[in-house]
Amino acid sequence: MYVVHLASVRLTVSGFATGHRNRNLAALGQALDEEPLRRVLLLGDLNTAAGDRELGPLTSRLSSAQDTAGDGFGFTWPSAFPLARIDHVMTRDLPATAAWTLPATASDHRPAAARITA
């Protein structure tokens, strides 16, 4: 099981800074390549939308629970009126049978949830 909270995209004088987060994504992809266990569960705040091409190191190795078994879009951010799914539940050889978001909490994100079968 991997529990992840990646760096946020930051607005700088020269534009949006995503380098730190993207390096983390590449390192996670490498760790997954080296993971000896067949079954993998990765969950957490990846601070990037499901369609972001930078998520490729994960989406090429794992399945999104929301994409395979989810109800609705699974948007988690911002909590008050979610417009993007930046919190994810992803698996390898662990089928998701359901995925959803939970009601807002004190966080600026809504929690993502999934039912996984072993």
Protein backbone atom coordinates (compact mmCIF):
# COMPACT_ATOMS: atom_id res chain seq x y z
CA MET A 1 0.00 0.00 0.00
CA TYR A 2 1.26 3.43 -0.97
CA VAL A 3 -0.22 6.46 0.79
CA VAL A 4 0.75 9.59 -1.09
CA HIS A 5 0.54 13.35 -0.67
CA LEU A 6 2.39 15.03 -3.53
CA ALA A 7 3.55 18.63 -3.74
CA SER A 8 0.98 21.19 -4.87
CA VAL A 9 1.23 23.22 -8.04
CA ARG A 10 2.51 26.66 -7.07
CA LEU A 11 2.12 29.97 -8.84
CA THR A 12 5.52 31.67 -9.15
CA VAL A 13 6.74 34.82 -10.90
CA SER A 14 7.58 32.72 -13.97
CA GLY A 15 4.28 30.76 -14.03
CA PHE A 16 3.05 27.53 -12.56
CA ALA A 17 5.68 25.40 -10.80
CA THR A 18 5.04 21.67 -11.18
CA GLY A 19 8.59 20.29 -11.22
CA HIS A 20 8.65 18.94 -7.67
CA ARG A 21 5.31 17.16 -8.08
CA ASN A 22 6.33 15.75 -11.48
CA ARG A 23 9.61 14.40 -10.05
CA ASN A 24 7.57 12.70 -7.31
CA LEU A 25 5.31 11.12 -9.93
CA ALA A 26 8.31 9.80 -11.87
CA ALA A 27 9.82 8.38 -8.65
CA LEU A 28 6.52 6.68 -7.81
CA GLY A 29 6.46 5.13 -11.28
CA GLN A 30 9.95 3.77 -10.72
CA ALA A 31 9.00 2.43 -7.28
CA LEU A 32 6.02 0.65 -8.84
CA ASP A 33 8.28 -0.91 -11.46
CA GLU A 34 10.48 -2.25 -8.65
CA GLU A 35 7.56 -3.33 -6.43
CA PRO A 36 7.86 -7.11 -6.00
CA LEU A 37 4.26 -7.57 -4.86
CA ARG A 38 1.70 -8.24 -7.57
CA ARG A 39 -1.15 -6.46 -5.76
CA VAL A 40 -0.76 -2.74 -5.15
CA LEU A 41 -3.05 -0.12 -3.64
CA LEU A 42 -2.10 3.54 -4.00
CA LEU A 43 -4.23 6.26 -2.51
CA GLY A 44 -3.92 9.88 -1.68
CA ASP A 45 -3.70 13.49 -2.72
CA LEU A 46 -1.78 13.51 -6.00
CA ASN A 47 -2.47 17.22 -6.59
CA THR A 48 -3.22 16.65 -10.25
CA ALA A 49 -6.37 15.94 -12.22
CA ALA A 50 -7.08 12.49 -13.57
CA GLY A 51 -6.48 13.62 -17.17
CA ASP A 52 -3.10 15.28 -16.54
CA ARG A 53 -0.46 13.67 -18.80
CA GLU A 54 2.06 14.02 -15.96
CA LEU A 55 0.06 11.33 -14.13
CA GLY A 56 1.26 8.86 -16.80
CA PRO A 57 3.87 7.15 -14.59
CA LEU A 58 0.95 5.98 -12.43
CA THR A 59 -1.89 5.55 -14.92
CA SER A 60 0.32 3.37 -17.13
CA ARG A 61 0.91 1.00 -14.19
CA LEU A 62 -2.30 1.25 -12.13
CA SER A 63 -6.06 1.42 -12.66
CA SER A 64 -8.17 4.21 -11.24
CA ALA A 65 -10.92 2.90 -8.97
CA GLN A 66 -13.09 5.86 -10.03
CA ASP A 67 -12.59 5.12 -13.74
CA THR A 68 -13.26 1.39 -13.43
CA ALA A 69 -16.06 1.28 -10.85
CA GLY A 70 -16.88 4.82 -9.84
CA ASP A 71 -20.17 6.59 -9.44
CA GLY A 72 -20.06 10.07 -10.99
CA PHE A 73 -16.96 12.11 -11.75
CA GLY A 74 -15.31 11.60 -8.37
CA PHE A 75 -14.34 15.28 -8.12
CA THR A 76 -12.66 16.08 -4.80
CA TRP A 77 -11.40 19.68 -5.08
CA PRO A 78 -12.28 22.30 -4.02
CA SER A 79 -14.40 20.85 -1.29
CA ALA A 80 -17.15 23.47 -1.41
CA PHE A 81 -17.81 22.97 -5.14
CA PRO A 82 -15.61 20.19 -6.55
CA LEU A 83 -14.40 20.73 -10.12
CA ALA A 84 -11.47 18.28 -10.35
CA ARG A 85 -10.41 14.86 -9.11
CA ILE A 86 -6.98 15.39 -7.54
CA ASP A 87 -7.39 12.74 -4.83
CA HIS A 88 -7.15 9.19 -6.15
CA VAL A 89 -7.53 5.51 -5.31
CA MET A 90 -5.51 3.38 -7.75
CA THR A 91 -4.88 -0.36 -7.88
CA ARG A 92 -2.94 -3.14 -9.55
CA ASP A 93 -4.51 -6.63 -9.45
CA LEU A 94 -7.03 -5.47 -6.85
CA PRO A 95 -10.37 -4.90 -8.57
CA ALA A 96 -12.44 -1.95 -7.44
CA THR A 97 -16.14 -2.75 -7.20
CA ALA A 98 -17.22 0.79 -6.29
CA ALA A 99 -15.72 4.26 -5.87
CA TRP A 100 -17.22 7.52 -4.66
CA THR A 101 -16.52 10.74 -2.81
CA LEU A 102 -17.62 11.44 0.73
CA PRO A 103 -19.28 14.64 1.98
CA ALA A 104 -17.16 17.70 2.66
CA THR A 105 -15.11 17.89 5.86
CA ALA A 106 -12.98 20.71 7.28
CA SER A 107 -10.40 19.99 4.54
CA ASP A 108 -10.28 21.84 1.23
CA HIS A 109 -10.62 18.40 -0.44
CA ARG A 110 -13.43 15.87 -0.28
CA PRO A 111 -12.39 12.35 0.73
CA ALA A 112 -12.24 9.68 -1.98
CA ALA A 113 -13.41 6.17 -1.13
CA ALA A 114 -13.46 2.81 -2.88
CA ARG A 115 -14.50 -0.78 -2.27
CA ILE A 116 -11.67 -3.13 -3.27
CA THR A 117 -11.84 -6.92 -3.56
CA ALA A 118 -8.84 -9.10 -2.88
